[in-house]
Amino acid sequence: MEKVKEIAENMREPKMRDIRALSNIKNNEERELKLISNLSGLSEAEIDNLTFREYKVLQEKLTDFLS
C-alpha cells in the first residue's frame, strides 16, 4: 500500500492532450483506467492487479486533479 501511496503522490497533473486522447473511449471505467495509467506510469495490467483499496488511492488523486 505504501508503494501505491508513493505512486499517487508522484502522479502528474493531466494535460489537455491527456483528456483529448480519451475522447474516443465511451466507457467511463476504461477512460479512468487509461488516464490513471498515463498519469501514474503504471501499465493497465499493473493497475488490474491492484487491490480495490489500492486503486481507490489512485482514483482519489485523479479526482483531486479533475475537481
Protein backbone atom coordinates (compact mmCIF):
# COMPACT_ATOMS: atom_id res chain seq x y z
CA MET A 1 0.00 0.00 0.00
CA GLU A 2 2.89 2.39 0.71
CA LYS A 3 4.16 1.92 -2.84
CA VAL A 4 0.76 2.89 -4.24
CA LYS A 5 0.63 5.97 -2.00
CA GLU A 6 4.05 6.97 -3.32
CA ILE A 7 2.89 6.47 -6.91
CA ALA A 8 -0.20 8.60 -6.21
CA GLU A 9 1.94 11.37 -4.73
CA ASN A 10 4.05 11.36 -7.89
CA MET A 11 1.18 11.27 -10.38
CA ARG A 12 1.48 14.15 -12.78
CA GLU A 13 -1.35 16.55 -13.39
CA PRO A 14 -3.31 15.80 -16.57
CA LYS A 15 -2.68 17.96 -19.59
CA MET A 16 -5.30 18.72 -22.21
CA ARG A 17 -3.69 16.20 -24.54
CA ASP A 18 -4.39 13.50 -21.93
CA ILE A 19 -8.04 14.48 -21.79
CA ARG A 20 -8.38 14.72 -25.58
CA ALA A 21 -6.77 11.29 -26.00
CA LEU A 22 -9.74 9.82 -24.14
CA SER A 23 -12.40 11.34 -26.40
CA ASN A 24 -12.91 8.15 -28.40
CA ILE A 25 -13.36 5.97 -25.28
CA LYS A 26 -17.04 5.88 -24.31
CA ASN A 27 -16.86 3.62 -21.23
CA ASN A 28 -16.16 5.70 -18.10
CA GLU A 29 -14.25 2.91 -16.34
CA GLU A 30 -11.97 2.46 -19.35
CA ARG A 31 -11.41 6.22 -19.60
CA GLU A 32 -10.47 6.43 -15.93
CA LEU A 33 -8.18 3.39 -16.16
CA LYS A 34 -6.40 4.82 -19.21
CA LEU A 35 -5.98 8.25 -17.61
CA ILE A 36 -4.64 6.82 -14.34
CA SER A 37 -2.24 4.68 -16.35
CA ASN A 38 -1.00 7.69 -18.34
CA LEU A 39 -0.56 9.89 -15.27
CA SER A 40 0.98 7.31 -12.95
CA GLY A 41 3.24 5.46 -15.37
CA LEU A 42 1.65 2.14 -14.40
CA SER A 43 0.55 -0.18 -17.18
CA GLU A 44 -3.09 -1.12 -17.39
CA ALA A 45 -2.09 -4.68 -16.46
CA GLU A 46 -0.37 -3.39 -13.32
CA ILE A 47 -3.47 -1.40 -12.40
CA ASP A 48 -5.63 -4.50 -12.97
CA ASN A 49 -3.53 -6.31 -10.38
CA LEU A 50 -4.02 -3.69 -7.66
CA THR A 51 -6.43 -4.34 -4.84
CA PHE A 52 -9.56 -2.20 -4.91
CA ARG A 53 -8.28 -0.31 -1.88
CA GLU A 54 -5.01 0.46 -3.67
CA TYR A 55 -6.90 1.55 -6.78
CA LYS A 56 -9.03 3.93 -4.70
CA VAL A 57 -5.85 5.78 -3.64
CA LEU A 58 -5.01 6.47 -7.29
CA GLN A 59 -8.63 7.26 -8.11
CA GLU A 60 -8.81 9.84 -5.30
CA LYS A 61 -5.67 11.54 -6.63
CA LEU A 62 -7.21 11.69 -10.10
CA THR A 63 -10.41 13.14 -8.64
CA ASP A 64 -8.35 15.85 -6.91
CA PHE A 65 -6.89 16.83 -10.29
CA LEU A 66 -10.25 16.89 -12.03
CA SER A 67 -12.22 18.82 -9.44
